[in-house]
């Protein structure tokens, strides 16, 4: 299996979401409930072993949950 299943930008977005989740003391299961996804989905997204990642609809819901902008999950500069 490939070492880096997720691209740099995908990993960046996932880490930003995880930081916000942990700052609010939300468990992966609680966030999954908010996003209306399975309990295991957040764990798979946050793990480097699975290809699961957030899509634009997830990011929109996450911005609502965290009361922020979708842009807060996106890097200022593109990855090269």
C-alpha atoms as a PDB file:
ATOM      1  CA  UNK A   1       0.000   0.000   0.000  1.00  0.00           C
ATOM      2  CA  UNK A   2       1.253   3.501  -0.796  1.00  0.00           C
ATOM      3  CA  UNK A   3       2.826   5.460   2.044  1.00  0.00           C
ATOM      4  CA  UNK A   4       1.014   8.711   1.210  1.00  0.00           C
ATOM      5  CA  UNK A   5      -2.574   7.962   0.299  1.00  0.00           C
ATOM      6  CA  UNK A   6      -3.553  11.592   0.827  1.00  0.00           C
ATOM      7  CA  UNK A   7      -2.055  14.565  -0.994  1.00  0.00           C
ATOM      8  CA  UNK A   8      -0.416  17.439   0.871  1.00  0.00           C
ATOM      9  CA  UNK A   9      -3.465  19.673   0.514  1.00  0.00           C
ATOM     10  CA  UNK A  10      -5.814  16.895   1.648  1.00  0.00           C
ATOM     11  CA  UNK A  11      -3.643  16.285   4.719  1.00  0.00           C
ATOM     12  CA  UNK A  12      -3.605  20.044   5.435  1.00  0.00           C
ATOM     13  CA  UNK A  13      -7.413  20.258   5.342  1.00  0.00           C
ATOM     14  CA  UNK A  14      -7.782  17.146   7.496  1.00  0.00           C
ATOM     15  CA  UNK A  15      -5.335  18.518  10.083  1.00  0.00           C
ATOM     16  CA  UNK A  16      -7.175  21.859  10.232  1.00  0.00           C
ATOM     17  CA  UNK A  17     -10.475  20.078  10.840  1.00  0.00           C
ATOM     18  CA  UNK A  18      -8.880  17.862  13.496  1.00  0.00           C
ATOM     19  CA  UNK A  19      -7.412  20.935  15.261  1.00  0.00           C
ATOM     20  CA  UNK A  20     -10.842  22.576  15.381  1.00  0.00           C
ATOM     21  CA  UNK A  21     -12.493  19.328  16.513  1.00  0.00           C
ATOM     22  CA  UNK A  22     -10.013  18.891  19.347  1.00  0.00           C
ATOM     23  CA  UNK A  23     -10.237  22.574  20.348  1.00  0.00           C
ATOM     24  CA  UNK A  24     -13.972  22.050  20.953  1.00  0.00           C
ATOM     25  CA  UNK A  25     -13.347  18.713  22.695  1.00  0.00           C
ATOM     26  CA  UNK A  26     -15.535  16.920  20.142  1.00  0.00           C
ATOM     27  CA  UNK A  27     -14.990  13.208  19.700  1.00  0.00           C
ATOM     28  CA  UNK A  28     -14.797  11.688  16.250  1.00  0.00           C
ATOM     29  CA  UNK A  29     -18.226  10.128  16.860  1.00  0.00           C
ATOM     30  CA  UNK A  30     -19.755  13.471  17.853  1.00  0.00           C
ATOM     31  CA  UNK A  31     -18.391  15.120  14.714  1.00  0.00           C
ATOM     32  CA  UNK A  32     -19.644  12.210  12.605  1.00  0.00           C
ATOM     33  CA  UNK A  33     -23.123  12.758  14.033  1.00  0.00           C
ATOM     34  CA  UNK A  34     -22.967  16.463  13.114  1.00  0.00           C
ATOM     35  CA  UNK A  35     -21.913  15.603   9.538  1.00  0.00           C
ATOM     36  CA  UNK A  36     -24.418  12.750   9.227  1.00  0.00           C
ATOM     37  CA  UNK A  37     -21.678  10.248   8.351  1.00  0.00           C
ATOM     38  CA  UNK A  38     -20.808   6.888   9.896  1.00  0.00           C
ATOM     39  CA  UNK A  39     -18.915   6.740  13.184  1.00  0.00           C
ATOM     40  CA  UNK A  40     -15.861   5.269  11.486  1.00  0.00           C
ATOM     41  CA  UNK A  41     -15.678   7.869   8.722  1.00  0.00           C
ATOM     42  CA  UNK A  42     -13.921  10.572  10.755  1.00  0.00           C
ATOM     43  CA  UNK A  43     -11.399   8.033  12.029  1.00  0.00           C
ATOM     44  CA  UNK A  44     -10.690   6.914   8.476  1.00  0.00           C
ATOM     45  CA  UNK A  45     -10.290  10.503   7.306  1.00  0.00           C
ATOM     46  CA  UNK A  46      -7.881  11.294  10.148  1.00  0.00           C
ATOM     47  CA  UNK A  47      -5.871   8.093   9.552  1.00  0.00           C
ATOM     48  CA  UNK A  48      -3.082   7.930   6.985  1.00  0.00           C
ATOM     49  CA  UNK A  49      -4.008   4.282   6.326  1.00  0.00           C
ATOM     50  CA  UNK A  50      -7.275   5.027   4.501  1.00  0.00           C
ATOM     51  CA  UNK A  51      -8.030   7.097   1.387  1.00  0.00           C
ATOM     52  CA  UNK A  52     -11.157   8.695   2.947  1.00  0.00           C
ATOM     53  CA  UNK A  53     -11.213  12.489   2.906  1.00  0.00           C
ATOM     54  CA  UNK A  54     -13.589  15.421   3.236  1.00  0.00           C
ATOM     55  CA  UNK A  55     -15.422  16.739   0.189  1.00  0.00           C
ATOM     56  CA  UNK A  56     -16.754  20.251  -0.382  1.00  0.00           C
ATOM     57  CA  UNK A  57     -20.134  19.392   1.140  1.00  0.00           C
ATOM     58  CA  UNK A  58     -18.381  18.145   4.280  1.00  0.00           C
ATOM     59  CA  UNK A  59     -16.332  21.347   4.458  1.00  0.00           C
ATOM     60  CA  UNK A  60     -19.482  23.429   4.190  1.00  0.00           C
ATOM     61  CA  UNK A  61     -21.126  21.492   7.058  1.00  0.00           C
ATOM     62  CA  UNK A  62     -17.892  21.695   9.081  1.00  0.00           C
ATOM     63  CA  UNK A  63     -17.872  25.479   8.678  1.00  0.00           C
ATOM     64  CA  UNK A  64     -21.398  25.553  10.102  1.00  0.00           C
ATOM     65  CA  UNK A  65     -20.471  23.243  12.995  1.00  0.00           C
ATOM     66  CA  UNK A  66     -17.323  25.230  13.846  1.00  0.00           C
ATOM     67  CA  UNK A  67     -18.947  28.616  13.109  1.00  0.00           C
ATOM     68  CA  UNK A  68     -16.181  29.626  10.723  1.00  0.00           C
ATOM     69  CA  UNK A  69     -15.542  30.088   7.017  1.00  0.00           C
ATOM     70  CA  UNK A  70     -14.851  27.239   4.619  1.00  0.00           C
ATOM     71  CA  UNK A  71     -11.688  29.196   3.808  1.00  0.00           C
ATOM     72  CA  UNK A  72     -10.401  28.462   7.322  1.00  0.00           C
ATOM     73  CA  UNK A  73      -9.694  24.888   6.187  1.00  0.00           C
ATOM     74  CA  UNK A  74      -7.812  25.864   3.008  1.00  0.00           C
ATOM     75  CA  UNK A  75      -4.146  26.960   2.874  1.00  0.00           C
ATOM     76  CA  UNK A  76      -3.326  30.535   1.860  1.00  0.00           C
ATOM     77  CA  UNK A  77      -0.800  29.373  -0.737  1.00  0.00           C
ATOM     78  CA  UNK A  78      -1.069  26.431  -3.117  1.00  0.00           C
ATOM     79  CA  UNK A  79       1.080  23.347  -2.593  1.00  0.00           C
ATOM     80  CA  UNK A  80       3.664  22.676  -5.287  1.00  0.00           C
END
